[in-house]
C-alpha cells in the first residue's frame, strides 16, 4: 500500500501539513460567518534549574512559528457552523474524545482587540 501511495503521490508525505492547511483554509472560506482567531498561550520556565543561555533559541516567538504534525498551531481560525475534529481527549465521560467531530455553534471573544 505504501508503495502505491509513494508512486501516485511522491510529494504528498513531504508536503502533507501544507496540503492539509490549504484544504482547511478553503473549507473555512466556504462559511459566510465572521471568522474568529484564537491564539495559544505559551511560556518558558525561567527557574534556575531549567534556565541556561540557550533558552533564547527556544523563544515563544520561535515556538509560535512551528507547524508540525502533533503540535497544535499557534493560531486557530474558527467560524460558526464549521466542522472540527478533536485531536485530544477533553472529557471522555461527555464523549469529547480524540477523533470526535463537532460543529462550532458559538464563537466568543476571549480578549478585547485594541
PDB file of N, CA and C in Angstrom:
ATOM      1  N   UNK A   1       0.826  -1.187   0.000  1.00  0.00           N
ATOM      2  CA  UNK A   1       0.000   0.000   0.000  1.00  0.00           C
ATOM      3  C   UNK A   1       0.874   1.257   0.000  1.00  0.00           C
ATOM      4  N   UNK A   2       1.909   1.275   0.835  1.00  0.00           N
ATOM      5  CA  UNK A   2       2.795   2.436   0.909  1.00  0.00           C
ATOM      6  C   UNK A   2       3.463   2.700  -0.434  1.00  0.00           C
ATOM      7  N   UNK A   3       3.842   1.636  -1.141  1.00  0.00           N
ATOM      8  CA  UNK A   3       4.494   1.802  -2.440  1.00  0.00           C
ATOM      9  C   UNK A   3       3.549   2.435  -3.454  1.00  0.00           C
ATOM     10  N   UNK A   4       2.278   2.062  -3.406  1.00  0.00           N
ATOM     11  CA  UNK A   4       1.282   2.631  -4.319  1.00  0.00           C
ATOM     12  C   UNK A   4       1.120   4.126  -4.041  1.00  0.00           C
ATOM     13  N   UNK A   5       0.982   4.491  -2.775  1.00  0.00           N
ATOM     14  CA  UNK A   5       0.828   5.904  -2.401  1.00  0.00           C
ATOM     15  C   UNK A   5       2.068   6.697  -2.806  1.00  0.00           C
ATOM     16  N   UNK A   6       3.267   6.136  -2.556  1.00  0.00           N
ATOM     17  CA  UNK A   6       4.510   6.831  -2.931  1.00  0.00           C
ATOM     18  C   UNK A   6       4.611   7.016  -4.441  1.00  0.00           C
ATOM     19  N   UNK A   7       4.121   6.034  -5.207  1.00  0.00           N
ATOM     20  CA  UNK A   7       4.170   6.118  -6.662  1.00  0.00           C
ATOM     21  C   UNK A   7       3.196   7.172  -7.198  1.00  0.00           C
ATOM     22  N   UNK A   8       1.981   7.194  -6.673  1.00  0.00           N
ATOM     23  CA  UNK A   8       0.953   8.117  -7.158  1.00  0.00           C
ATOM     24  C   UNK A   8       1.157   9.523  -6.617  1.00  0.00           C
ATOM     25  N   UNK A   9       1.523   9.625  -5.342  1.00  0.00           N
ATOM     26  CA  UNK A   9       1.696  10.920  -4.674  1.00  0.00           C
ATOM     27  C   UNK A   9       3.110  11.024  -4.110  1.00  0.00           C
ATOM     28  N   UNK A  10       4.132  11.175  -4.954  1.00  0.00           N
ATOM     29  CA  UNK A  10       5.513  11.155  -4.436  1.00  0.00           C
ATOM     30  C   UNK A  10       5.842  12.306  -3.487  1.00  0.00           C
ATOM     31  N   UNK A  11       5.188  13.424  -3.639  1.00  0.00           N
ATOM     32  CA  UNK A  11       5.492  14.578  -2.793  1.00  0.00           C
ATOM     33  C   UNK A  11       4.521  14.729  -1.630  1.00  0.00           C
ATOM     34  N   UNK A  12       3.526  13.859  -1.524  1.00  0.00           N
ATOM     35  CA  UNK A  12       2.474  14.040  -0.518  1.00  0.00           C
ATOM     36  C   UNK A  12       3.016  14.041   0.901  1.00  0.00           C
ATOM     37  N   UNK A  13       3.834  13.070   1.234  1.00  0.00           N
ATOM     38  CA  UNK A  13       4.326  12.950   2.609  1.00  0.00           C
ATOM     39  C   UNK A  13       5.161  14.166   2.987  1.00  0.00           C
ATOM     40  N   UNK A  14       5.978  14.664   2.045  1.00  0.00           N
ATOM     41  CA  UNK A  14       6.809  15.835   2.326  1.00  0.00           C
ATOM     42  C   UNK A  14       5.962  17.064   2.625  1.00  0.00           C
ATOM     43  N   UNK A  15       4.842  17.197   1.919  1.00  0.00           N
ATOM     44  CA  UNK A  15       4.040  18.413   1.993  1.00  0.00           C
ATOM     45  C   UNK A  15       2.674  18.186   2.624  1.00  0.00           C
ATOM     46  N   UNK A  16       2.523  17.114   3.370  1.00  0.00           N
ATOM     47  CA  UNK A  16       1.217  16.749   3.929  1.00  0.00           C
ATOM     48  C   UNK A  16       0.615  17.859   4.785  1.00  0.00           C
ATOM     49  N   UNK A  17       1.391  18.443   5.704  1.00  0.00           N
ATOM     50  CA  UNK A  17       0.854  19.505   6.560  1.00  0.00           C
ATOM     51  C   UNK A  17       0.441  20.722   5.757  1.00  0.00           C
ATOM     52  N   UNK A  18       1.239  21.073   4.744  1.00  0.00           N
ATOM     53  CA  UNK A  18       0.892  22.216   3.895  1.00  0.00           C
ATOM     54  C   UNK A  18      -0.409  21.963   3.142  1.00  0.00           C
ATOM     55  N   UNK A  19      -0.581  20.751   2.623  1.00  0.00           N
ATOM     56  CA  UNK A  19      -1.799  20.399   1.884  1.00  0.00           C
ATOM     57  C   UNK A  19      -3.004  20.461   2.812  1.00  0.00           C
ATOM     58  N   UNK A  20      -2.883  19.895   3.990  1.00  0.00           N
ATOM     59  CA  UNK A  20      -3.978  19.905   4.958  1.00  0.00           C
ATOM     60  C   UNK A  20      -4.324  21.335   5.343  1.00  0.00           C
ATOM     61  N   UNK A  21      -3.331  22.188   5.562  1.00  0.00           N
ATOM     62  CA  UNK A  21      -3.588  23.593   5.901  1.00  0.00           C
ATOM     63  C   UNK A  21      -4.349  24.297   4.785  1.00  0.00           C
ATOM     64  N   UNK A  22      -3.971  24.049   3.529  1.00  0.00           N
ATOM     65  CA  UNK A  22      -4.660  24.675   2.394  1.00  0.00           C
ATOM     66  C   UNK A  22      -6.106  24.199   2.286  1.00  0.00           C
ATOM     67  N   UNK A  23      -6.337  22.913   2.487  1.00  0.00           N
ATOM     68  CA  UNK A  23      -7.707  22.381   2.454  1.00  0.00           C
ATOM     69  C   UNK A  23      -8.533  22.991   3.578  1.00  0.00           C
ATOM     70  N   UNK A  24      -7.974  23.061   4.774  1.00  0.00           N
ATOM     71  CA  UNK A  24      -8.691  23.649   5.910  1.00  0.00           C
ATOM     72  C   UNK A  24      -9.028  25.118   5.652  1.00  0.00           C
ATOM     73  N   UNK A  25      -8.073  25.874   5.121  1.00  0.00           N
ATOM     74  CA  UNK A  25      -8.328  27.285   4.817  1.00  0.00           C
ATOM     75  C   UNK A  25      -9.452  27.435   3.799  1.00  0.00           C
ATOM     76  N   UNK A  26      -9.458  26.582   2.782  1.00  0.00           N
ATOM     77  CA  UNK A  26     -10.505  26.644   1.762  1.00  0.00           C
ATOM     78  C   UNK A  26     -11.879  26.328   2.352  1.00  0.00           C
ATOM     79  N   UNK A  27     -11.950  25.306   3.183  1.00  0.00           N
ATOM     80  CA  UNK A  27     -13.230  24.927   3.792  1.00  0.00           C
ATOM     81  C   UNK A  27     -13.749  26.050   4.676  1.00  0.00           C
ATOM     82  N   UNK A  28     -12.876  26.682   5.451  1.00  0.00           N
ATOM     83  CA  UNK A  28     -13.298  27.781   6.315  1.00  0.00           C
ATOM     84  C   UNK A  28     -13.851  28.938   5.478  1.00  0.00           C
ATOM     85  N   UNK A  29     -13.277  29.180   4.305  1.00  0.00           N
ATOM     86  CA  UNK A  29     -13.761  30.256   3.429  1.00  0.00           C
ATOM     87  C   UNK A  29     -15.174  29.999   2.913  1.00  0.00           C
ATOM     88  N   UNK A  30     -15.612  28.750   2.899  1.00  0.00           N
ATOM     89  CA  UNK A  30     -16.955  28.409   2.408  1.00  0.00           C
ATOM     90  C   UNK A  30     -18.059  28.893   3.342  1.00  0.00           C
ATOM     91  N   UNK A  31     -17.729  29.173   4.582  1.00  0.00           N
ATOM     92  CA  UNK A  31     -18.717  29.619   5.560  1.00  0.00           C
ATOM     93  C   UNK A  31     -18.729  31.147   5.591  1.00  0.00           C
ATOM     94  N   UNK A  32     -19.922  31.732   5.534  1.00  0.00           N
ATOM     95  CA  UNK A  32     -20.043  33.189   5.425  1.00  0.00           C
ATOM     96  C   UNK A  32     -19.940  33.906   6.768  1.00  0.00           C
ATOM     97  N   UNK A  33     -20.013  33.187   7.858  1.00  0.00           N
ATOM     98  CA  UNK A  33     -19.960  33.815   9.176  1.00  0.00           C
ATOM     99  C   UNK A  33     -18.598  34.468   9.419  1.00  0.00           C
ATOM    100  N   UNK A  34     -18.575  35.365  10.395  1.00  0.00           N
ATOM    101  CA  UNK A  34     -17.339  36.049  10.765  1.00  0.00           C
ATOM    102  C   UNK A  34     -16.328  35.053  11.327  1.00  0.00           C
ATOM    103  N   UNK A  35     -15.095  35.205  10.903  1.00  0.00           N
ATOM    104  CA  UNK A  35     -14.022  34.341  11.384  1.00  0.00           C
ATOM    105  C   UNK A  35     -13.469  34.885  12.691  1.00  0.00           C
ATOM    106  N   UNK A  36     -13.219  34.000  13.651  1.00  0.00           N
ATOM    107  CA  UNK A  36     -12.576  34.356  14.920  1.00  0.00           C
ATOM    108  C   UNK A  36     -11.237  33.643  14.983  1.00  0.00           C
ATOM    109  N   UNK A  37     -10.236  34.342  15.460  1.00  0.00           N
ATOM    110  CA  UNK A  37      -8.918  33.745  15.640  1.00  0.00           C
ATOM    111  C   UNK A  37      -8.631  33.610  17.125  1.00  0.00           C
ATOM    112  N   UNK A  38      -8.104  32.468  17.496  1.00  0.00           N
ATOM    113  CA  UNK A  38      -7.735  32.189  18.879  1.00  0.00           C
ATOM    114  C   UNK A  38      -6.254  31.836  18.909  1.00  0.00           C
ATOM    115  N   UNK A  39      -5.518  32.458  19.817  1.00  0.00           N
ATOM    116  CA  UNK A  39      -4.087  32.239  19.933  1.00  0.00           C
ATOM    117  C   UNK A  39      -3.768  31.353  21.125  1.00  0.00           C
ATOM    118  N   UNK A  40      -2.726  30.539  20.967  1.00  0.00           N
ATOM    119  CA  UNK A  40      -2.298  29.699  22.086  1.00  0.00           C
ATOM    120  C   UNK A  40      -1.607  30.568  23.128  1.00  0.00           C
ATOM    121  N   UNK A  41      -1.461  30.032  24.303  1.00  0.00           N
ATOM    122  CA  UNK A  41      -0.785  30.732  25.387  1.00  0.00           C
ATOM    123  C   UNK A  41       0.397  29.879  25.825  1.00  0.00           C
ATOM    124  N   UNK A  42       1.592  30.376  25.593  1.00  0.00           N
ATOM    125  CA  UNK A  42       2.804  29.627  25.913  1.00  0.00           C
ATOM    126  C   UNK A  42       3.696  30.437  26.836  1.00  0.00           C
ATOM    127  N   UNK A  43       4.522  29.744  27.587  1.00  0.00           N
ATOM    128  CA  UNK A  43       5.523  30.410  28.413  1.00  0.00           C
ATOM    129  C   UNK A  43       6.722  29.479  28.582  1.00  0.00           C
ATOM    130  N   UNK A  44       7.850  30.068  28.903  1.00  0.00           N
ATOM    131  CA  UNK A  44       9.081  29.309  29.119  1.00  0.00           C
ATOM    132  C   UNK A  44       9.437  29.409  30.588  1.00  0.00           C
ATOM    133  N   UNK A  45       9.701  28.264  31.205  1.00  0.00           N
ATOM    134  CA  UNK A  45      10.079  28.253  32.611  1.00  0.00           C
ATOM    135  C   UNK A  45      11.451  28.897  32.768  1.00  0.00           C
ATOM    136  N   UNK A  46      11.550  29.857  33.678  1.00  0.00           N
ATOM    137  CA  UNK A  46      12.817  30.559  33.908  1.00  0.00           C
ATOM    138  C   UNK A  46      13.405  30.235  35.285  1.00  0.00           C
ATOM    139  N   UNK A  47      12.992  29.106  35.891  1.00  0.00           N
ATOM    140  CA  UNK A  47      13.575  28.786  37.194  1.00  0.00           C
ATOM    141  C   UNK A  47      15.050  28.440  37.025  1.00  0.00           C
ATOM    142  N   UNK A  48      15.814  28.564  38.083  1.00  0.00           N
ATOM    143  CA  UNK A  48      17.265  28.437  37.966  1.00  0.00           C
ATOM    144  C   UNK A  48      17.714  27.031  37.578  1.00  0.00           C
ATOM    145  N   UNK A  49      16.903  25.993  37.818  1.00  0.00           N
ATOM    146  CA  UNK A  49      17.277  24.635  37.419  1.00  0.00           C
ATOM    147  C   UNK A  49      17.031  24.388  35.935  1.00  0.00           C
ATOM    148  N   UNK A  50      16.232  25.224  35.307  1.00  0.00           N
ATOM    149  CA  UNK A  50      15.829  24.991  33.929  1.00  0.00           C
ATOM    150  C   UNK A  50      16.363  26.066  32.983  1.00  0.00           C
ATOM    151  N   UNK A  51      17.054  27.041  33.493  1.00  0.00           N
ATOM    152  CA  UNK A  51      17.480  28.175  32.676  1.00  0.00           C
ATOM    153  C   UNK A  51      18.948  28.053  32.290  1.00  0.00           C
ATOM    154  N   UNK A  52      19.225  28.265  31.016  1.00  0.00           N
ATOM    155  CA  UNK A  52      20.599  28.374  30.566  1.00  0.00           C
ATOM    156  C   UNK A  52      20.659  29.394  29.430  1.00  0.00           C
ATOM    157  N   UNK A  53      21.824  29.639  28.923  1.00  0.00           N
ATOM    158  CA  UNK A  53      21.986  30.697  27.918  1.00  0.00           C
ATOM    159  C   UNK A  53      21.350  30.339  26.584  1.00  0.00           C
ATOM    160  N   UNK A  54      21.049  29.074  26.336  1.00  0.00           N
ATOM    161  CA  UNK A  54      20.465  28.663  25.058  1.00  0.00           C
ATOM    162  C   UNK A  54      18.952  28.794  25.021  1.00  0.00           C
ATOM    163  N   UNK A  55      18.319  29.194  26.116  1.00  0.00           N
ATOM    164  CA  UNK A  55      16.855  29.313  26.119  1.00  0.00           C
ATOM    165  C   UNK A  55      16.354  30.353  25.135  1.00  0.00           C
ATOM    166  N   UNK A  56      17.191  31.335  24.766  1.00  0.00           N
ATOM    167  CA  UNK A  56      16.767  32.332  23.793  1.00  0.00           C
ATOM    168  C   UNK A  56      16.516  31.701  22.430  1.00  0.00           C
ATOM    169  N   UNK A  57      17.192  30.587  22.145  1.00  0.00           N
ATOM    170  CA  UNK A  57      16.979  29.888  20.876  1.00  0.00           C
ATOM    171  C   UNK A  57      15.586  29.259  20.817  1.00  0.00           C
ATOM    172  N   UNK A  58      14.960  29.074  21.960  1.00  0.00           N
ATOM    173  CA  UNK A  58      13.630  28.467  22.024  1.00  0.00           C
ATOM    174  C   UNK A  58      12.628  29.484  22.564  1.00  0.00           C
ATOM    175  N   UNK A  59      12.651  30.667  22.003  1.00  0.00           N
ATOM    176  CA  UNK A  59      11.761  31.731  22.455  1.00  0.00           C
ATOM    177  C   UNK A  59      10.313  31.395  22.122  1.00  0.00           C
ATOM    178  N   UNK A  60       9.400  32.102  22.744  1.00  0.00           N
ATOM    179  CA  UNK A  60       7.978  31.898  22.480  1.00  0.00           C
ATOM    180  C   UNK A  60       7.679  32.210  21.016  1.00  0.00           C
ATOM    181  N   UNK A  61       8.323  33.233  20.465  1.00  0.00           N
ATOM    182  CA  UNK A  61       8.117  33.576  19.064  1.00  0.00           C
ATOM    183  C   UNK A  61       8.516  32.422  18.158  1.00  0.00           C
ATOM    184  N   UNK A  62       9.634  31.743  18.495  1.00  0.00           N
ATOM    185  CA  UNK A  62      10.075  30.580  17.728  1.00  0.00           C
ATOM    186  C   UNK A  62       9.029  29.475  17.795  1.00  0.00           C
ATOM    187  N   UNK A  63       8.532  29.182  18.984  1.00  0.00           N
ATOM    188  CA  UNK A  63       7.517  28.129  19.144  1.00  0.00           C
ATOM    189  C   UNK A  63       6.233  28.454  18.373  1.00  0.00           C
ATOM    190  N   UNK A  64       5.870  29.730  18.309  1.00  0.00           N
ATOM    191  CA  UNK A  64       4.652  30.126  17.609  1.00  0.00           C
ATOM    192  C   UNK A  64       4.745  29.937  16.102  1.00  0.00           C
ATOM    193  N   UNK A  65       5.949  29.813  15.568  1.00  0.00           N
ATOM    194  CA  UNK A  65       6.143  29.627  14.133  1.00  0.00           C
ATOM    195  C   UNK A  65       6.122  28.160  13.717  1.00  0.00           C
ATOM    196  N   UNK A  66       6.191  27.241  14.657  1.00  0.00           N
ATOM    197  CA  UNK A  66       6.273  25.817  14.341  1.00  0.00           C
ATOM    198  C   UNK A  66       4.923  25.307  13.845  1.00  0.00           C
ATOM    199  N   UNK A  67       4.951  24.627  12.693  1.00  0.00           N
ATOM    200  CA  UNK A  67       3.769  23.953  12.149  1.00  0.00           C
ATOM    201  C   UNK A  67       4.178  22.513  11.870  1.00  0.00           C
ATOM    202  N   UNK A  68       3.881  21.624  12.792  1.00  0.00           N
ATOM    203  CA  UNK A  68       4.280  20.228  12.645  1.00  0.00           C
ATOM    204  C   UNK A  68       3.156  19.324  13.109  1.00  0.00           C
ATOM    205  N   UNK A  69       3.140  18.130  12.568  1.00  0.00           N
ATOM    206  CA  UNK A  69       2.140  17.146  12.960  1.00  0.00           C
ATOM    207  C   UNK A  69       2.300  16.828  14.438  1.00  0.00           C
ATOM    208  N   UNK A  70       1.204  16.820  15.168  1.00  0.00           N
ATOM    209  CA  UNK A  70       1.233  16.500  16.591  1.00  0.00           C
ATOM    210  C   UNK A  70       1.366  17.715  17.488  1.00  0.00           C
ATOM    211  N   UNK A  71       1.668  18.874  16.903  1.00  0.00           N
ATOM    212  CA  UNK A  71       1.782  20.107  17.675  1.00  0.00           C
ATOM    213  C   UNK A  71       0.717  21.069  17.165  1.00  0.00           C
ATOM    214  N   UNK A  72      -0.094  21.575  18.068  1.00  0.00           N
ATOM    215  CA  UNK A  72      -1.147  22.493  17.634  1.00  0.00           C
ATOM    216  C   UNK A  72      -0.541  23.791  17.126  1.00  0.00           C
ATOM    217  N   UNK A  73      -1.203  24.393  16.132  1.00  0.00           N
ATOM    218  CA  UNK A  73      -0.748  25.677  15.605  1.00  0.00           C
ATOM    219  C   UNK A  73      -1.006  26.773  16.630  1.00  0.00           C
ATOM    220  N   UNK A  74      -0.214  27.829  16.548  1.00  0.00           N
ATOM    221  CA  UNK A  74      -0.355  28.951  17.471  1.00  0.00           C
ATOM    222  C   UNK A  74      -1.682  29.678  17.255  1.00  0.00           C
ATOM    223  N   UNK A  75      -2.121  29.773  16.003  1.00  0.00           N
ATOM    224  CA  UNK A  75      -3.344  30.499  15.677  1.00  0.00           C
ATOM    225  C   UNK A  75      -4.392  29.525  15.144  1.00  0.00           C
ATOM    226  N   UNK A  76      -5.561  29.535  15.783  1.00  0.00           N
ATOM    227  CA  UNK A  76      -6.681  28.696  15.378  1.00  0.00           C
ATOM    228  C   UNK A  76      -7.791  29.603  14.863  1.00  0.00           C
ATOM    229  N   UNK A  77      -8.211  29.392  13.607  1.00  0.00           N
ATOM    230  CA  UNK A  77      -9.266  30.206  12.998  1.00  0.00           C
ATOM    231  C   UNK A  77     -10.541  29.379  12.940  1.00  0.00           C
ATOM    232  N   UNK A  78     -11.630  29.936  13.490  1.00  0.00           N
ATOM    233  CA  UNK A  78     -12.907  29.220  13.538  1.00  0.00           C
ATOM    234  C   UNK A  78     -14.040  30.104  13.041  1.00  0.00           C
ATOM    235  N   UNK A  79     -15.071  29.455  12.489  1.00  0.00           N
ATOM    236  CA  UNK A  79     -16.307  30.134  12.096  1.00  0.00           C
ATOM    237  C   UNK A  79     -17.474  29.303  12.598  1.00  0.00           C
ATOM    238  N   UNK A  80     -18.576  29.984  12.937  1.00  0.00           N
ATOM    239  CA  UNK A  80     -19.791  29.285  13.347  1.00  0.00           C
ATOM    240  C   UNK A  80     -20.229  28.379  12.199  1.00  0.00           C
ATOM    241  N   UNK A  81     -20.676  27.191  12.520  1.00  0.00           N
ATOM    242  CA  UNK A  81     -21.132  26.135  11.598  1.00  0.00           C
ATOM    243  C   UNK A  81     -20.001  25.347  10.961  1.00  0.00           C
ATOM    244  N   UNK A  82     -18.761  25.708  11.226  1.00  0.00           N
ATOM    245  CA  UNK A  82     -17.631  24.972  10.656  1.00  0.00           C
ATOM    246  C   UNK A  82     -17.429  23.663  11.413  1.00  0.00           C
ATOM    247  N   UNK A  83     -17.151  22.589  10.688  1.00  0.00           N
ATOM    248  CA  UNK A  83     -16.873  21.317  11.365  1.00  0.00           C
ATOM    249  C   UNK A  83     -15.449  21.299  11.910  1.00  0.00           C
ATOM    250  N   UNK A  84     -15.269  20.681  13.054  1.00  0.00           N
ATOM    251  CA  UNK A  84     -13.939  20.485  13.637  1.00  0.00           C
ATOM    252  C   UNK A  84     -13.833  19.053  14.135  1.00  0.00           C
ATOM    253  N   UNK A  85     -12.625  18.586  14.323  1.00  0.00           N
ATOM    254  CA  UNK A  85     -12.402  17.266  14.889  1.00  0.00           C
ATOM    255  C   UNK A  85     -11.461  17.420  16.074  1.00  0.00           C
ATOM    256  N   UNK A  86     -11.838  16.854  17.202  1.00  0.00           N
ATOM    257  CA  UNK A  86     -10.994  16.927  18.395  1.00  0.00           C
ATOM    258  C   UNK A  86      -9.752  16.069  18.203  1.00  0.00           C
ATOM    259  N   UNK A  87      -8.611  16.600  18.597  1.00  0.00           N
ATOM    260  CA  UNK A  87      -7.354  15.867  18.491  1.00  0.00           C
ATOM    261  C   UNK A  87      -6.813  15.441  19.845  1.00  0.00           C
ATOM    262  N   UNK A  88      -7.538  15.764  20.890  1.00  0.00           N
ATOM    263  CA  UNK A  88      -7.157  15.379  22.251  1.00  0.00           C
ATOM    264  C   UNK A  88      -8.404  14.916  22.989  1.00  0.00           C
ATOM    265  N   UNK A  89      -8.218  14.100  24.003  1.00  0.00           N
ATOM    266  CA  UNK A  89      -9.325  13.696  24.866  1.00  0.00           C
ATOM    267  C   UNK A  89      -9.601  14.829  25.847  1.00  0.00           C
ATOM    268  N   UNK A  90     -10.723  15.517  25.673  1.00  0.00           N
ATOM    269  CA  UNK A  90     -11.074  16.623  26.563  1.00  0.00           C
ATOM    270  C   UNK A  90     -11.861  16.149  27.766  1.00  0.00           C
ATOM    271  N   UNK A  91     -12.879  15.329  27.513  1.00  0.00           N
ATOM    272  CA  UNK A  91     -13.736  14.833  28.592  1.00  0.00           C
ATOM    273  C   UNK A  91     -14.383  13.536  28.121  1.00  0.00           C
ATOM    274  N   UNK A  92     -13.763  12.421  28.462  1.00  0.00           N
ATOM    275  CA  UNK A  92     -14.246  11.134  27.966  1.00  0.00           C
ATOM    276  C   UNK A  92     -15.640  10.796  28.471  1.00  0.00           C
ATOM    277  N   UNK A  93     -15.995  11.227  29.678  1.00  0.00           N
ATOM    278  CA  UNK A  93     -17.330  10.924  30.203  1.00  0.00           C
ATOM    279  C   UNK A  93     -18.422  11.645  29.409  1.00  0.00           C
ATOM    280  N   UNK A  94     -18.070  12.784  28.785  1.00  0.00           N
ATOM    281  CA  UNK A  94     -19.020  13.518  27.933  1.00  0.00           C
ATOM    282  C   UNK A  94     -18.820  13.175  26.455  1.00  0.00           C
ATOM    283  N   UNK A  95     -18.011  12.165  26.181  1.00  0.00           N
ATOM    284  CA  UNK A  95     -17.729  11.678  24.830  1.00  0.00           C
ATOM    285  C   UNK A  95     -17.006  12.718  23.969  1.00  0.00           C
ATOM    286  N   UNK A  96     -16.225  13.571  24.607  1.00  0.00           N
ATOM    287  CA  UNK A  96     -15.389  14.522  23.881  1.00  0.00           C
ATOM    288  C   UNK A  96     -13.985  13.934  23.802  1.00  0.00           C
ATOM    289  N   UNK A  97     -13.807  13.032  22.845  1.00  0.00           N
ATOM    290  CA  UNK A  97     -12.586  12.248  22.734  1.00  0.00           C
ATOM    291  C   UNK A  97     -11.884  12.512  21.412  1.00  0.00           C
ATOM    292  N   UNK A  98     -10.636  12.096  21.340  1.00  0.00           N
ATOM    293  CA  UNK A  98      -9.844  12.195  20.131  1.00  0.00           C
ATOM    294  C   UNK A  98     -10.618  11.588  18.960  1.00  0.00           C
ATOM    295  N   UNK A  99     -10.775  12.356  17.866  1.00  0.00           N
ATOM    296  CA  UNK A  99     -11.465  11.868  16.682  1.00  0.00           C
ATOM    297  C   UNK A  99     -12.941  12.238  16.613  1.00  0.00           C
ATOM    298  N   UNK A 100     -13.481  12.852  17.667  1.00  0.00           N
ATOM    299  CA  UNK A 100     -14.891  13.250  17.677  1.00  0.00           C
ATOM    300  C   UNK A 100     -15.093  14.454  16.772  1.00  0.00           C
ATOM    301  N   UNK A 101     -16.108  14.379  15.889  1.00  0.00           N
ATOM    302  CA  UNK A 101     -16.464  15.511  15.028  1.00  0.00           C
ATOM    303  C   UNK A 101     -17.476  16.389  15.741  1.00  0.00           C
ATOM    304  N   UNK A 102     -17.284  17.697  15.635  1.00  0.00           N
ATOM    305  CA  UNK A 102     -18.165  18.663  16.275  1.00  0.00           C
ATOM    306  C   UNK A 102     -18.440  19.803  15.293  1.00  0.00           C
ATOM    307  N   UNK A 103     -19.450  20.610  15.614  1.00  0.00           N
ATOM    308  CA  UNK A 103     -19.737  21.827  14.863  1.00  0.00           C
ATOM    309  C   UNK A 103     -19.626  23.009  15.801  1.00  0.00           C
ATOM    310  N   UNK A 104     -19.054  24.091  15.330  1.00  0.00           N
ATOM    311  CA  UNK A 104     -18.969  25.316  16.111  1.00  0.00           C
ATOM    312  C   UNK A 104     -20.356  25.945  16.127  1.00  0.00           C
ATOM    313  N   UNK A 105     -20.940  26.142  17.311  1.00  0.00           N
ATOM    314  CA  UNK A 105     -22.267  26.759  17.388  1.00  0.00           C
ATOM    315  C   UNK A 105     -22.214  28.189  17.891  1.00  0.00           C
ATOM    316  N   UNK A 106     -21.095  28.566  18.516  1.00  0.00           N
ATOM    317  CA  UNK A 106     -20.947  29.933  19.006  1.00  0.00           C
ATOM    318  C   UNK A 106     -19.464  30.235  19.148  1.00  0.00           C
ATOM    319  N   UNK A 107     -19.063  31.406  18.667  1.00  0.00           N
ATOM    320  CA  UNK A 107     -17.672  31.842  18.810  1.00  0.00           C
ATOM    321  C   UNK A 107     -17.669  33.059  19.722  1.00  0.00           C
ATOM    322  N   UNK A 108     -16.858  33.012  20.743  1.00  0.00           N
ATOM    323  CA  UNK A 108     -16.818  34.117  21.707  1.00  0.00           C
ATOM    324  C   UNK A 108     -15.475  34.826  21.627  1.00  0.00           C
ATOM    325  N   UNK A 109     -15.478  36.099  21.966  1.00  0.00           N
ATOM    326  CA  UNK A 109     -14.240  36.860  22.049  1.00  0.00           C
ATOM    327  C   UNK A 109     -13.598  36.578  23.399  1.00  0.00           C
ATOM    328  N   UNK A 110     -12.357  36.128  23.368  1.00  0.00           N
ATOM    329  CA  UNK A 110     -11.647  35.825  24.615  1.00  0.00           C
ATOM    330  C   UNK A 110     -10.848  37.004  25.113  1.00  0.00           C
ATOM    331  N   UNK A 111     -10.667  37.991  24.263  1.00  0.00           N
ATOM    332  CA  UNK A 111      -9.944  39.196  24.651  1.00  0.00           C
ATOM    333  C   UNK A 111     -10.475  40.352  23.824  1.00  0.00           C
ATOM    334  N   UNK A 112     -10.193  41.536  24.287  1.00  0.00           N
ATOM    335  CA  UNK A 112     -10.654  42.728  23.583  1.00  0.00           C
ATOM    336  C   UNK A 112      -9.562  43.199  22.632  1.00  0.00           C
ATOM    337  N   UNK A 113      -9.880  43.312  21.348  1.00  0.00           N
ATOM    338  CA  UNK A 113      -8.906  43.777  20.370  1.00  0.00           C
ATOM    339  C   UNK A 113      -8.733  45.274  20.505  1.00  0.00           C
ATOM    340  N   UNK A 114      -7.479  45.715  20.419  1.00  0.00           N
ATOM    341  CA  UNK A 114      -7.181  47.146  20.534  1.00  0.00           C
ATOM    342  C   UNK A 114      -7.235  47.810  19.183  1.00  0.00           C
TER     343      UNK A 114
END
